[in-house]
Amino acid sequence: MREKKPALIVTFATTAAAMEAESFCLARQLPGRIIPVPREITAGCGLAWKAPPEAEAQLTDALREAGLAWSAMQVLEV
């Protein structure tokens, strides 16, 4: 079984918002990747961005500057 580690999970209200954020993050080489929303979280679209917890400020600033909306950011053991 894979060892669980803390990860920053960013959820989105819609699939379109998640895909737009993924494209934005990949184009700017921001840390993370798109994943299915973990079971511990209830989210609208089923997709989330997973990144290292220490990337929270970087991601928050970048998404805010780009005008991209997210539902929630939280650190979970995944």
N, C-alpha and C. Protein backbone atom coordinates (compact mmCIF):
# COMPACT_ATOMS: atom_id res chain seq x y z
N MET A 1 0.84 -1.18 0.00
CA MET A 1 0.00 0.00 0.00
C MET A 1 0.89 1.24 0.00
N ARG A 2 0.49 2.22 -0.74
CA ARG A 2 1.23 3.47 -0.87
C ARG A 2 1.10 4.29 0.40
N GLU A 3 2.22 4.90 0.82
CA GLU A 3 2.21 5.73 2.02
C GLU A 3 1.53 7.07 1.72
N LYS A 4 0.64 7.48 2.61
CA LYS A 4 -0.05 8.75 2.43
C LYS A 4 0.84 9.89 2.90
N LYS A 5 0.81 10.99 2.14
CA LYS A 5 1.59 12.18 2.47
C LYS A 5 0.68 13.40 2.39
N PRO A 6 1.01 14.47 3.10
CA PRO A 6 0.21 15.69 3.00
C PRO A 6 0.27 16.26 1.59
N ALA A 7 -0.86 16.72 1.10
CA ALA A 7 -0.93 17.36 -0.21
C ALA A 7 -1.97 18.47 -0.16
N LEU A 8 -1.69 19.52 -0.90
CA LEU A 8 -2.65 20.61 -1.05
C LEU A 8 -3.64 20.20 -2.12
N ILE A 9 -4.92 20.23 -1.79
CA ILE A 9 -5.98 19.87 -2.72
C ILE A 9 -6.80 21.12 -3.02
N VAL A 10 -6.89 21.47 -4.30
CA VAL A 10 -7.66 22.64 -4.74
C VAL A 10 -8.86 22.11 -5.51
N THR A 11 -10.07 22.43 -5.05
CA THR A 11 -11.28 21.95 -5.72
C THR A 11 -11.94 23.09 -6.49
N PHE A 12 -12.76 22.70 -7.45
CA PHE A 12 -13.41 23.65 -8.36
C PHE A 12 -14.90 23.34 -8.46
N ALA A 13 -15.68 24.35 -8.76
CA ALA A 13 -17.13 24.19 -8.84
C ALA A 13 -17.55 23.47 -10.12
N THR A 14 -16.79 23.67 -11.20
CA THR A 14 -17.17 23.07 -12.48
C THR A 14 -15.97 22.39 -13.13
N THR A 15 -16.26 21.46 -14.01
CA THR A 15 -15.20 20.80 -14.76
C THR A 15 -14.46 21.81 -15.63
N ALA A 16 -15.17 22.75 -16.21
CA ALA A 16 -14.54 23.77 -17.05
C ALA A 16 -13.53 24.59 -16.24
N ALA A 17 -13.87 24.94 -15.00
CA ALA A 17 -12.95 25.71 -14.15
C ALA A 17 -11.72 24.87 -13.82
N ALA A 18 -11.90 23.59 -13.55
CA ALA A 18 -10.77 22.70 -13.25
C ALA A 18 -9.85 22.57 -14.45
N MET A 19 -10.42 22.42 -15.64
CA MET A 19 -9.62 22.27 -16.85
C MET A 19 -8.89 23.56 -17.19
N GLU A 20 -9.54 24.69 -16.98
CA GLU A 20 -8.90 25.98 -17.22
C GLU A 20 -7.73 26.18 -16.25
N ALA A 21 -7.92 25.83 -15.00
CA ALA A 21 -6.85 25.95 -14.01
C ALA A 21 -5.70 25.00 -14.36
N GLU A 22 -6.02 23.80 -14.81
CA GLU A 22 -4.98 22.84 -15.20
C GLU A 22 -4.14 23.41 -16.34
N SER A 23 -4.79 23.92 -17.37
CA SER A 23 -4.06 24.50 -18.50
C SER A 23 -3.18 25.66 -18.06
N PHE A 24 -3.73 26.52 -17.21
CA PHE A 24 -2.99 27.66 -16.69
C PHE A 24 -1.77 27.22 -15.90
N CYS A 25 -1.96 26.28 -14.98
CA CYS A 25 -0.86 25.82 -14.13
C CYS A 25 0.23 25.11 -14.94
N LEU A 26 -0.17 24.28 -15.88
CA LEU A 26 0.80 23.58 -16.71
C LEU A 26 1.60 24.56 -17.58
N ALA A 27 0.92 25.53 -18.16
CA ALA A 27 1.60 26.51 -19.02
C ALA A 27 2.61 27.34 -18.24
N ARG A 28 2.35 27.56 -16.96
CA ARG A 28 3.25 28.37 -16.13
C ARG A 28 4.16 27.52 -15.25
N GLN A 29 4.15 26.21 -15.50
CA GLN A 29 4.98 25.25 -14.78
C GLN A 29 4.81 25.35 -13.26
N LEU A 30 3.57 25.57 -12.84
CA LEU A 30 3.26 25.57 -11.42
C LEU A 30 3.21 24.12 -10.93
N PRO A 31 3.58 23.87 -9.69
CA PRO A 31 3.61 22.49 -9.20
C PRO A 31 2.23 21.88 -9.08
N GLY A 32 2.16 20.59 -9.39
CA GLY A 32 0.93 19.85 -9.19
C GLY A 32 0.43 19.15 -10.43
N ARG A 33 -0.75 18.53 -10.26
CA ARG A 33 -1.40 17.82 -11.36
C ARG A 33 -2.88 17.68 -11.04
N ILE A 34 -3.66 17.39 -12.07
CA ILE A 34 -5.11 17.22 -11.89
C ILE A 34 -5.35 15.78 -11.40
N ILE A 35 -6.28 15.64 -10.47
CA ILE A 35 -6.63 14.33 -9.91
C ILE A 35 -8.14 14.27 -9.70
N PRO A 36 -8.69 13.06 -9.51
CA PRO A 36 -10.08 12.96 -9.06
C PRO A 36 -10.15 13.49 -7.62
N VAL A 37 -11.24 14.11 -7.27
CA VAL A 37 -11.39 14.63 -5.91
C VAL A 37 -11.35 13.47 -4.92
N PRO A 38 -10.51 13.58 -3.87
CA PRO A 38 -10.47 12.52 -2.86
C PRO A 38 -11.83 12.33 -2.19
N ARG A 39 -12.08 11.14 -1.72
CA ARG A 39 -13.36 10.81 -1.09
C ARG A 39 -13.67 11.65 0.14
N GLU A 40 -12.63 12.14 0.80
CA GLU A 40 -12.83 12.92 2.02
C GLU A 40 -13.46 14.29 1.75
N ILE A 41 -13.47 14.69 0.49
CA ILE A 41 -13.97 16.01 0.11
C ILE A 41 -15.21 15.84 -0.76
N THR A 42 -16.18 16.71 -0.55
CA THR A 42 -17.30 16.77 -1.48
C THR A 42 -17.09 18.01 -2.34
N ALA A 43 -17.08 17.82 -3.64
CA ALA A 43 -16.86 18.94 -4.56
C ALA A 43 -17.78 18.78 -5.75
N GLY A 44 -18.09 19.91 -6.37
CA GLY A 44 -19.05 19.93 -7.46
C GLY A 44 -18.67 19.15 -8.69
N CYS A 45 -17.42 19.25 -9.14
CA CYS A 45 -17.12 18.70 -10.46
C CYS A 45 -16.39 17.37 -10.46
N GLY A 46 -15.78 16.98 -9.34
CA GLY A 46 -15.08 15.71 -9.30
C GLY A 46 -13.61 15.78 -9.66
N LEU A 47 -13.10 16.96 -10.02
CA LEU A 47 -11.69 17.13 -10.34
C LEU A 47 -11.05 18.11 -9.37
N ALA A 48 -9.78 17.88 -9.08
CA ALA A 48 -9.05 18.76 -8.17
C ALA A 48 -7.61 18.89 -8.64
N TRP A 49 -6.92 19.91 -8.16
CA TRP A 49 -5.49 20.10 -8.42
C TRP A 49 -4.76 19.67 -7.15
N LYS A 50 -3.79 18.78 -7.30
CA LYS A 50 -3.00 18.29 -6.18
C LYS A 50 -1.60 18.86 -6.30
N ALA A 51 -1.11 19.48 -5.23
CA ALA A 51 0.21 20.09 -5.23
C ALA A 51 0.85 19.92 -3.85
N PRO A 52 2.14 20.17 -3.75
CA PRO A 52 2.78 20.13 -2.43
C PRO A 52 2.19 21.22 -1.53
N PRO A 53 2.04 20.95 -0.23
CA PRO A 53 1.46 21.95 0.67
C PRO A 53 2.19 23.29 0.66
N GLU A 54 3.49 23.26 0.47
CA GLU A 54 4.26 24.51 0.47
C GLU A 54 4.00 25.38 -0.76
N ALA A 55 3.26 24.87 -1.74
CA ALA A 55 2.94 25.65 -2.94
C ALA A 55 1.65 26.46 -2.79
N GLU A 56 1.01 26.43 -1.61
CA GLU A 56 -0.28 27.09 -1.43
C GLU A 56 -0.24 28.57 -1.78
N ALA A 57 0.71 29.31 -1.24
CA ALA A 57 0.78 30.75 -1.50
C ALA A 57 1.03 31.03 -2.98
N GLN A 58 1.93 30.26 -3.58
CA GLN A 58 2.24 30.43 -5.00
C GLN A 58 1.01 30.19 -5.87
N LEU A 59 0.29 29.11 -5.61
CA LEU A 59 -0.91 28.80 -6.39
C LEU A 59 -2.01 29.82 -6.15
N THR A 60 -2.23 30.19 -4.90
CA THR A 60 -3.26 31.17 -4.58
C THR A 60 -3.00 32.48 -5.33
N ASP A 61 -1.78 32.97 -5.26
CA ASP A 61 -1.42 34.22 -5.93
C ASP A 61 -1.61 34.11 -7.44
N ALA A 62 -1.11 33.03 -8.03
CA ALA A 62 -1.19 32.87 -9.48
C ALA A 62 -2.63 32.75 -9.96
N LEU A 63 -3.45 31.93 -9.28
CA LEU A 63 -4.84 31.77 -9.69
C LEU A 63 -5.62 33.07 -9.51
N ARG A 64 -5.37 33.76 -8.41
CA ARG A 64 -6.06 35.03 -8.16
C ARG A 64 -5.69 36.07 -9.22
N GLU A 65 -4.40 36.20 -9.55
CA GLU A 65 -3.96 37.15 -10.56
C GLU A 65 -4.56 36.85 -11.93
N ALA A 66 -4.76 35.56 -12.22
CA ALA A 66 -5.34 35.16 -13.50
C ALA A 66 -6.86 35.26 -13.50
N GLY A 67 -7.46 35.52 -12.35
CA GLY A 67 -8.91 35.61 -12.26
C GLY A 67 -9.60 34.26 -12.31
N LEU A 68 -8.89 33.21 -11.93
CA LEU A 68 -9.46 31.86 -11.94
C LEU A 68 -10.04 31.55 -10.56
N ALA A 69 -11.25 31.01 -10.55
CA ALA A 69 -11.95 30.73 -9.29
C ALA A 69 -11.76 29.28 -8.88
N TRP A 70 -11.67 29.06 -7.58
CA TRP A 70 -11.63 27.72 -7.01
C TRP A 70 -12.62 27.68 -5.87
N SER A 71 -13.04 26.47 -5.51
CA SER A 71 -14.01 26.31 -4.43
C SER A 71 -13.33 26.30 -3.08
N ALA A 72 -12.28 25.49 -2.94
CA ALA A 72 -11.60 25.35 -1.66
C ALA A 72 -10.17 24.89 -1.86
N MET A 73 -9.33 25.21 -0.87
CA MET A 73 -7.96 24.70 -0.80
C MET A 73 -7.79 24.13 0.59
N GLN A 74 -7.31 22.90 0.65
CA GLN A 74 -7.04 22.31 1.95
C GLN A 74 -5.94 21.26 1.86
N VAL A 75 -5.24 21.06 2.94
CA VAL A 75 -4.19 20.06 2.99
C VAL A 75 -4.80 18.78 3.57
N LEU A 76 -4.59 17.69 2.84
CA LEU A 76 -5.08 16.37 3.25
C LEU A 76 -3.98 15.35 3.15
N GLU A 77 -4.11 14.26 3.87
CA GLU A 77 -3.21 13.11 3.71
C GLU A 77 -3.78 12.27 2.57
N VAL A 78 -3.09 12.27 1.44
CA VAL A 78 -3.54 11.47 0.28
C VAL A 78 -2.42 10.65 -0.29
